[in-house]
PDB file of all heavy atoms in Angstrom:
ATOM      1  N   ALA A   1       0.811  -1.274   0.065  1.00  0.00           N
ATOM      2  CA  ALA A   1      -0.053   0.072   0.001  1.00  0.00           C
ATOM      3  C   ALA A   1       0.955   1.323  -0.048  1.00  0.00           C
ATOM      4  O   ALA A   1       1.860   1.273   0.771  1.00  0.00           O
ATOM      5  CB  ALA A   1      -0.990   0.034   1.203  1.00  0.00           C
ATOM      6  N   PHE A   2       0.483   2.141  -0.830  1.00  0.00           N
ATOM      7  CA  PHE A   2       1.210   3.391  -1.058  1.00  0.00           C
ATOM      8  C   PHE A   2       0.476   4.600  -1.014  1.00  0.00           C
ATOM      9  O   PHE A   2      -0.710   4.580  -1.344  1.00  0.00           O
ATOM     10  CB  PHE A   2       2.066   3.297  -2.360  1.00  0.00           C
ATOM     11  CG  PHE A   2       3.055   2.255  -2.489  1.00  0.00           C
ATOM     12  CD1 PHE A   2       2.562   1.221  -3.399  1.00  0.00           C
ATOM     13  CD2 PHE A   2       4.248   2.241  -1.957  1.00  0.00           C
ATOM     14  CE1 PHE A   2       3.408   0.086  -3.620  1.00  0.00           C
ATOM     15  CE2 PHE A   2       5.154   1.223  -2.274  1.00  0.00           C
ATOM     16  CZ  PHE A   2       4.683   0.094  -2.990  1.00  0.00           C
ATOM     17  N   GLN A   3       0.972   5.749  -0.554  1.00  0.00           N
ATOM     18  CA  GLN A   3       0.456   7.138  -0.792  1.00  0.00           C
ATOM     19  C   GLN A   3       1.742   7.816  -1.537  1.00  0.00           C
ATOM     20  O   GLN A   3       2.652   8.043  -0.863  1.00  0.00           O
ATOM     21  CB  GLN A   3      -0.182   7.724   0.213  1.00  0.00           C
ATOM     22  CG  GLN A   3      -0.614   9.223  -0.081  1.00  0.00           C
ATOM     23  CD  GLN A   3      -1.029   9.959   1.061  1.00  0.00           C
ATOM     24  OE1 GLN A   3      -1.473   9.483   2.282  1.00  0.00           O
ATOM     25  NE2 GLN A   3      -0.794  11.215   1.040  1.00  0.00           N
ATOM     26  N   VAL A   4       1.605   8.185  -2.717  1.00  0.00           N
ATOM     27  CA  VAL A   4       2.620   8.941  -3.402  1.00  0.00           C
ATOM     28  C   VAL A   4       2.368  10.367  -3.662  1.00  0.00           C
ATOM     29  O   VAL A   4       1.166  10.610  -3.631  1.00  0.00           O
ATOM     30  CB  VAL A   4       3.019   8.071  -4.807  1.00  0.00           C
ATOM     31  CG1 VAL A   4       3.407   6.657  -4.527  1.00  0.00           C
ATOM     32  CG2 VAL A   4       1.804   8.219  -5.768  1.00  0.00           C
ATOM     33  N   PRO A   5       3.382  11.113  -3.932  1.00  0.00           N
ATOM     34  CA  PRO A   5       3.087  12.586  -4.176  1.00  0.00           C
ATOM     35  C   PRO A   5       2.084  12.901  -5.364  1.00  0.00           C
ATOM     36  O   PRO A   5       2.185  12.112  -6.380  1.00  0.00           O
ATOM     37  CB  PRO A   5       4.377  13.173  -4.506  1.00  0.00           C
ATOM     38  CG  PRO A   5       5.370  12.229  -3.794  1.00  0.00           C
ATOM     39  CD  PRO A   5       4.752  10.859  -4.081  1.00  0.00           C
ATOM     40  N   THR A   6       1.082  13.706  -5.182  1.00  0.00           N
ATOM     41  CA  THR A   6       0.245  13.984  -6.277  1.00  0.00           C
ATOM     42  C   THR A   6      -0.273  15.580  -6.062  1.00  0.00           C
ATOM     43  O   THR A   6      -0.443  15.989  -4.860  1.00  0.00           O
ATOM     44  CB  THR A   6      -1.044  13.112  -6.017  1.00  0.00           C
ATOM     45  OG1 THR A   6      -0.678  11.750  -6.117  1.00  0.00           O
ATOM     46  CG2 THR A   6      -1.973  13.421  -7.277  1.00  0.00           C
ATOM     47  N   GLN A   7      -0.551  16.149  -7.055  1.00  0.00           N
ATOM     48  CA  GLN A   7      -1.033  17.519  -6.935  1.00  0.00           C
ATOM     49  C   GLN A   7      -2.437  17.607  -7.700  1.00  0.00           C
ATOM     50  O   GLN A   7      -2.648  16.757  -8.754  1.00  0.00           O
ATOM     51  CB  GLN A   7      -0.094  18.468  -7.704  1.00  0.00           C
ATOM     52  CG  GLN A   7       1.139  18.632  -7.052  1.00  0.00           C
ATOM     53  CD  GLN A   7       2.245  19.702  -7.724  1.00  0.00           C
ATOM     54  OE1 GLN A   7       1.652  20.568  -8.312  1.00  0.00           O
ATOM     55  NE2 GLN A   7       3.370  19.505  -7.516  1.00  0.00           N
ATOM     56  N   ALA A   8      -3.302  18.503  -7.295  1.00  0.00           N
ATOM     57  CA  ALA A   8      -4.587  18.647  -7.868  1.00  0.00           C
ATOM     58  C   ALA A   8      -5.049  20.098  -7.834  1.00  0.00           C
ATOM     59  O   ALA A   8      -4.528  20.759  -6.984  1.00  0.00           O
ATOM     60  CB  ALA A   8      -5.489  17.779  -7.210  1.00  0.00           C
ATOM     61  N   ARG A   9      -5.923  20.373  -8.684  1.00  0.00           N
ATOM     62  CA  ARG A   9      -6.516  21.794  -8.789  1.00  0.00           C
ATOM     63  C   ARG A   9      -8.040  21.673  -8.743  1.00  0.00           C
ATOM     64  O   ARG A   9      -8.598  20.738  -9.378  1.00  0.00           O
ATOM     65  CB  ARG A   9      -5.982  22.562  -9.976  1.00  0.00           C
ATOM     66  CG  ARG A   9      -6.757  23.920 -10.193  1.00  0.00           C
ATOM     67  CD  ARG A   9      -6.453  24.534 -11.552  1.00  0.00           C
ATOM     68  NE  ARG A   9      -4.875  24.645 -11.763  1.00  0.00           N
ATOM     69  CZ  ARG A   9      -4.350  24.038 -12.789  1.00  0.00           C
ATOM     70  NH1 ARG A   9      -4.961  23.272 -13.599  1.00  0.00           N
ATOM     71  NH2 ARG A   9      -2.991  24.276 -12.849  1.00  0.00           N
ATOM     72  N   VAL A  10      -8.678  22.487  -7.872  1.00  0.00           N
ATOM     73  CA  VAL A  10     -10.074  22.440  -7.795  1.00  0.00           C
ATOM     74  C   VAL A  10     -10.470  23.950  -7.935  1.00  0.00           C
ATOM     75  O   VAL A  10     -10.042  24.861  -7.287  1.00  0.00           O
ATOM     76  CB  VAL A  10     -10.637  21.987  -6.479  1.00  0.00           C
ATOM     77  CG1 VAL A  10     -12.227  22.107  -6.337  1.00  0.00           C
ATOM     78  CG2 VAL A  10     -10.297  20.434  -6.364  1.00  0.00           C
ATOM     79  N   ILE A  11     -11.509  24.329  -8.778  1.00  0.00           N
ATOM     80  CA  ILE A  11     -12.089  25.517  -8.987  1.00  0.00           C
ATOM     81  C   ILE A  11     -13.674  25.392  -8.840  1.00  0.00           C
ATOM     82  O   ILE A  11     -14.313  24.637  -9.477  1.00  0.00           O
ATOM     83  CB  ILE A  11     -11.880  26.012 -10.482  1.00  0.00           C
ATOM     84  CG1 ILE A  11     -10.306  26.106 -10.825  1.00  0.00           C
ATOM     85  CG2 ILE A  11     -12.413  27.491 -10.611  1.00  0.00           C
ATOM     86  CD1 ILE A  11      -9.965  26.324 -12.269  1.00  0.00           C
ATOM     87  N   LEU A  12     -14.056  26.210  -7.807  1.00  0.00           N
ATOM     88  CA  LEU A  12     -15.612  26.341  -7.552  1.00  0.00           C
ATOM     89  C   LEU A  12     -15.996  27.585  -8.554  1.00  0.00           C
ATOM     90  O   LEU A  12     -15.467  28.637  -8.331  1.00  0.00           O
ATOM     91  CB  LEU A  12     -15.814  26.658  -6.085  1.00  0.00           C
ATOM     92  CG  LEU A  12     -15.240  25.548  -5.162  1.00  0.00           C
ATOM     93  CD1 LEU A  12     -15.470  26.033  -3.763  1.00  0.00           C
ATOM     94  CD2 LEU A  12     -15.961  24.277  -5.444  1.00  0.00           C
ATOM     95  N   ARG A  13     -16.730  27.306  -9.413  1.00  0.00           N
ATOM     96  CA  ARG A  13     -17.125  28.354 -10.544  1.00  0.00           C
ATOM     97  C   ARG A  13     -18.405  29.031 -10.294  1.00  0.00           C
ATOM     98  O   ARG A  13     -19.247  28.583  -9.566  1.00  0.00           O
ATOM     99  CB  ARG A  13     -17.122  27.583 -11.886  1.00  0.00           C
ATOM    100  CG  ARG A  13     -15.817  26.658 -12.009  1.00  0.00           C
ATOM    101  CD  ARG A  13     -15.940  25.910 -13.283  1.00  0.00           C
ATOM    102  NE  ARG A  13     -15.264  26.669 -14.314  1.00  0.00           N
ATOM    103  CZ  ARG A  13     -14.904  26.197 -15.516  1.00  0.00           C
ATOM    104  NH1 ARG A  13     -15.102  24.802 -15.828  1.00  0.00           N
ATOM    105  NH2 ARG A  13     -14.352  26.826 -16.486  1.00  0.00           N
ATOM    106  N   ALA A  14     -18.445  30.251 -10.833  1.00  0.00           N
ATOM    107  CA  ALA A  14     -19.689  31.067 -10.759  1.00  0.00           C
ATOM    108  C   ALA A  14     -20.874  30.468 -11.335  1.00  0.00           C
ATOM    109  O   ALA A  14     -21.924  30.781 -11.017  1.00  0.00           O
ATOM    110  CB  ALA A  14     -19.438  32.480 -11.396  1.00  0.00           C
ATOM    111  N   SER A  15     -20.678  29.473 -12.272  1.00  0.00           N
ATOM    112  CA  SER A  15     -21.878  28.760 -12.773  1.00  0.00           C
ATOM    113  C   SER A  15     -22.461  27.796 -11.763  1.00  0.00           C
ATOM    114  O   SER A  15     -23.507  27.157 -12.073  1.00  0.00           O
ATOM    115  CB  SER A  15     -21.328  27.870 -14.037  1.00  0.00           C
ATOM    116  OG  SER A  15     -20.311  27.022 -13.633  1.00  0.00           O
ATOM    117  N   GLY A  16     -21.809  27.705 -10.652  1.00  0.00           N
ATOM    118  CA  GLY A  16     -22.411  26.729  -9.659  1.00  0.00           C
ATOM    119  C   GLY A  16     -21.809  25.290  -9.774  1.00  0.00           C
ATOM    120  O   GLY A  16     -22.224  24.388  -9.051  1.00  0.00           O
ATOM    121  N   ARG A  17     -20.824  25.116 -10.727  1.00  0.00           N
ATOM    122  CA  ARG A  17     -20.192  23.958 -10.862  1.00  0.00           C
ATOM    123  C   ARG A  17     -18.785  23.884 -10.306  1.00  0.00           C
ATOM    124  O   ARG A  17     -18.266  24.911  -9.919  1.00  0.00           O
ATOM    125  CB  ARG A  17     -20.114  23.592 -12.408  1.00  0.00           C
ATOM    126  CG  ARG A  17     -21.374  23.752 -13.092  1.00  0.00           C
ATOM    127  CD  ARG A  17     -21.222  23.331 -14.530  1.00  0.00           C
ATOM    128  NE  ARG A  17     -20.855  21.878 -14.794  1.00  0.00           N
ATOM    129  CZ  ARG A  17     -21.678  20.881 -14.768  1.00  0.00           C
ATOM    130  NH1 ARG A  17     -22.980  21.060 -14.544  1.00  0.00           N
ATOM    131  NH2 ARG A  17     -21.319  19.598 -14.850  1.00  0.00           N
ATOM    132  N   ALA A  18     -18.214  22.790 -10.081  1.00  0.00           N
ATOM    133  CA  ALA A  18     -16.832  22.512  -9.715  1.00  0.00           C
ATOM    134  C   ALA A  18     -16.021  21.926 -10.704  1.00  0.00           C
ATOM    135  O   ALA A  18     -16.550  20.968 -11.446  1.00  0.00           O
ATOM    136  CB  ALA A  18     -16.719  21.825  -8.366  1.00  0.00           C
ATOM    137  N   LEU A  19     -14.821  22.357 -11.007  1.00  0.00           N
ATOM    138  CA  LEU A  19     -13.953  21.755 -11.844  1.00  0.00           C
ATOM    139  C   LEU A  19     -12.732  21.224 -11.133  1.00  0.00           C
ATOM    140  O   LEU A  19     -12.175  21.836 -10.310  1.00  0.00           O
ATOM    141  CB  LEU A  19     -13.378  22.696 -12.933  1.00  0.00           C
ATOM    142  CG  LEU A  19     -12.324  22.291 -13.876  1.00  0.00           C
ATOM    143  CD1 LEU A  19     -12.794  21.113 -14.841  1.00  0.00           C
ATOM    144  CD2 LEU A  19     -11.732  23.348 -14.612  1.00  0.00           C
ATOM    145  N   VAL A  20     -12.370  19.854 -11.410  1.00  0.00           N
ATOM    146  CA  VAL A  20     -11.292  19.284 -10.775  1.00  0.00           C
ATOM    147  C   VAL A  20     -10.297  18.746 -11.885  1.00  0.00           C
ATOM    148  O   VAL A  20     -10.757  18.254 -12.798  1.00  0.00           O
ATOM    149  CB  VAL A  20     -11.616  17.911 -10.025  1.00  0.00           C
ATOM    150  CG1 VAL A  20     -10.484  17.661  -9.106  1.00  0.00           C
ATOM    151  CG2 VAL A  20     -12.829  18.155  -9.240  1.00  0.00           C
ATOM    152  N   GLN A  21      -9.011  19.029 -11.758  1.00  0.00           N
ATOM    153  CA  GLN A  21      -7.922  18.686 -12.679  1.00  0.00           C
ATOM    154  C   GLN A  21      -6.899  18.129 -12.052  1.00  0.00           C
ATOM    155  O   GLN A  21      -6.325  18.542 -10.958  1.00  0.00           O
ATOM    156  CB  GLN A  21      -7.439  19.911 -13.381  1.00  0.00           C
ATOM    157  CG  GLN A  21      -8.524  20.697 -14.322  1.00  0.00           C
ATOM    158  CD  GLN A  21      -8.004  21.840 -15.035  1.00  0.00           C
ATOM    159  OE1 GLN A  21      -7.255  22.512 -14.532  1.00  0.00           O
ATOM    160  NE2 GLN A  21      -8.374  22.045 -16.423  1.00  0.00           N
ATOM    161  N   CYS A  22      -6.394  17.026 -12.554  1.00  0.00           N
ATOM    162  CA  CYS A  22      -5.159  16.375 -12.005  1.00  0.00           C
ATOM    163  C   CYS A  22      -4.493  15.560 -13.107  1.00  0.00           C
ATOM    164  O   CYS A  22      -5.172  14.859 -13.976  1.00  0.00           O
ATOM    165  CB  CYS A  22      -5.428  15.417 -10.869  1.00  0.00           C
ATOM    166  SG  CYS A  22      -4.110  14.541 -10.214  1.00  0.00           S
ATOM    167  N   GLY A  23      -3.137  15.641 -13.232  1.00  0.00           N
ATOM    168  CA  GLY A  23      -2.424  14.827 -14.398  1.00  0.00           C
ATOM    169  C   GLY A  23      -2.246  13.437 -14.036  1.00  0.00           C
ATOM    170  O   GLY A  23      -1.061  12.929 -14.204  1.00  0.00           O
ATOM    171  N   LEU A  24      -3.171  12.745 -13.539  1.00  0.00           N
ATOM    172  CA  LEU A  24      -3.157  11.261 -13.629  1.00  0.00           C
ATOM    173  C   LEU A  24      -4.232  10.739 -14.426  1.00  0.00           C
ATOM    174  O   LEU A  24      -4.930  11.562 -15.015  1.00  0.00           O
ATOM    175  CB  LEU A  24      -3.165  10.717 -12.113  1.00  0.00           C
ATOM    176  CG  LEU A  24      -4.284  11.144 -11.154  1.00  0.00           C
ATOM    177  CD1 LEU A  24      -5.587  10.556 -11.433  1.00  0.00           C
ATOM    178  CD2 LEU A  24      -3.857  10.644  -9.718  1.00  0.00           C
ATOM    179  N   GLN A  25      -4.457   9.512 -14.494  1.00  0.00           N
ATOM    180  CA  GLN A  25      -5.369   8.866 -15.494  1.00  0.00           C
ATOM    181  C   GLN A  25      -6.400   7.975 -14.926  1.00  0.00           C
ATOM    182  O   GLN A  25      -6.169   7.514 -13.695  1.00  0.00           O
ATOM    183  CB  GLN A  25      -4.501   7.981 -16.449  1.00  0.00           C
ATOM    184  CG  GLN A  25      -3.214   8.630 -16.997  1.00  0.00           C
ATOM    185  CD  GLN A  25      -2.175   8.991 -15.967  1.00  0.00           C
ATOM    186  OE1 GLN A  25      -1.507  10.022 -16.123  1.00  0.00           O
ATOM    187  NE2 GLN A  25      -2.000   7.984 -15.092  1.00  0.00           N
ATOM    188  N   ASP A  26      -7.505   7.951 -15.525  1.00  0.00           N
ATOM    189  CA  ASP A  26      -8.469   6.888 -15.118  1.00  0.00           C
ATOM    190  C   ASP A  26      -8.371   5.815 -16.230  1.00  0.00           C
ATOM    191  O   ASP A  26      -8.778   5.995 -17.365  1.00  0.00           O
ATOM    192  CB  ASP A  26      -9.889   7.543 -15.081  1.00  0.00           C
ATOM    193  CG  ASP A  26     -10.952   6.549 -14.538  1.00  0.00           C
ATOM    194  OD1 ASP A  26     -10.760   5.216 -14.633  1.00  0.00           O
ATOM    195  OD2 ASP A  26     -11.872   6.877 -14.086  1.00  0.00           O
ATOM    196  N   ILE A  27      -7.746   4.752 -15.723  1.00  0.00           N
ATOM    197  CA  ILE A  27      -7.500   3.742 -16.779  1.00  0.00           C
ATOM    198  C   ILE A  27      -8.739   2.568 -16.768  1.00  0.00           C
ATOM    199  O   ILE A  27      -8.478   1.455 -17.309  1.00  0.00           O
ATOM    200  CB  ILE A  27      -6.253   2.807 -16.431  1.00  0.00           C
ATOM    201  CG1 ILE A  27      -6.167   2.310 -14.995  1.00  0.00           C
ATOM    202  CG2 ILE A  27      -5.002   3.945 -16.537  1.00  0.00           C
ATOM    203  CD1 ILE A  27      -5.084   1.436 -14.630  1.00  0.00           C
ATOM    204  N   GLY A  28      -9.835   2.997 -16.420  1.00  0.00           N
ATOM    205  CA  GLY A  28     -10.999   2.094 -16.461  1.00  0.00           C
ATOM    206  C   GLY A  28     -11.458   1.702 -15.066  1.00  0.00           C
ATOM    207  O   GLY A  28     -12.347   0.877 -14.851  1.00  0.00           O
ATOM    208  N   THR A  29     -10.604   2.103 -13.975  1.00  0.00           N
ATOM    209  CA  THR A  29     -10.863   1.571 -12.635  1.00  0.00           C
ATOM    210  C   THR A  29     -11.814   2.474 -11.803  1.00  0.00           C
ATOM    211  O   THR A  29     -12.193   1.963 -10.657  1.00  0.00           O
ATOM    212  CB  THR A  29      -9.487   1.523 -11.857  1.00  0.00           C
ATOM    213  OG1 THR A  29      -8.879   2.816 -11.877  1.00  0.00           O
ATOM    214  CG2 THR A  29      -8.583   0.540 -12.562  1.00  0.00           C
ATOM    215  N   GLY A  30     -12.327   3.556 -12.308  1.00  0.00           N
ATOM    216  CA  GLY A  30     -13.196   4.523 -11.614  1.00  0.00           C
ATOM    217  C   GLY A  30     -12.493   5.523 -10.756  1.00  0.00           C
ATOM    218  O   GLY A  30     -13.230   6.103 -10.036  1.00  0.00           O
ATOM    219  N   THR A  31     -11.296   6.015 -11.295  1.00  0.00           N
ATOM    220  CA  THR A  31     -10.700   7.040 -10.543  1.00  0.00           C
ATOM    221  C   THR A  31     -11.403   8.321 -10.676  1.00  0.00           C
ATOM    222  O   THR A  31     -11.486   9.132  -9.587  1.00  0.00           O
ATOM    223  CB  THR A  31      -9.275   7.335 -11.104  1.00  0.00           C
ATOM    224  OG1 THR A  31      -8.461   6.081 -10.897  1.00  0.00           O
ATOM    225  CG2 THR A  31      -8.395   8.447 -10.410  1.00  0.00           C
ATOM    226  N   SER A  32     -11.963   8.692 -11.751  1.00  0.00           N
ATOM    227  CA  SER A  32     -12.813   9.913 -11.959  1.00  0.00           C
ATOM    228  C   SER A  32     -13.892   9.921 -11.003  1.00  0.00           C
ATOM    229  O   SER A  32     -14.237  11.067 -10.445  1.00  0.00           O
ATOM    230  CB  SER A  32     -13.344  10.076 -13.403  1.00  0.00           C
ATOM    231  OG  SER A  32     -12.274   9.957 -14.348  1.00  0.00           O
TER     232      SER A  32
END
């Protein structure tokens, strides 16, 4: 079991939505 360094960005937007960005991948496992 690991926890490795990761960075992320979250923007709460005026539209009432949230945007999340991270330079890792969802390889079909449900990460998103």
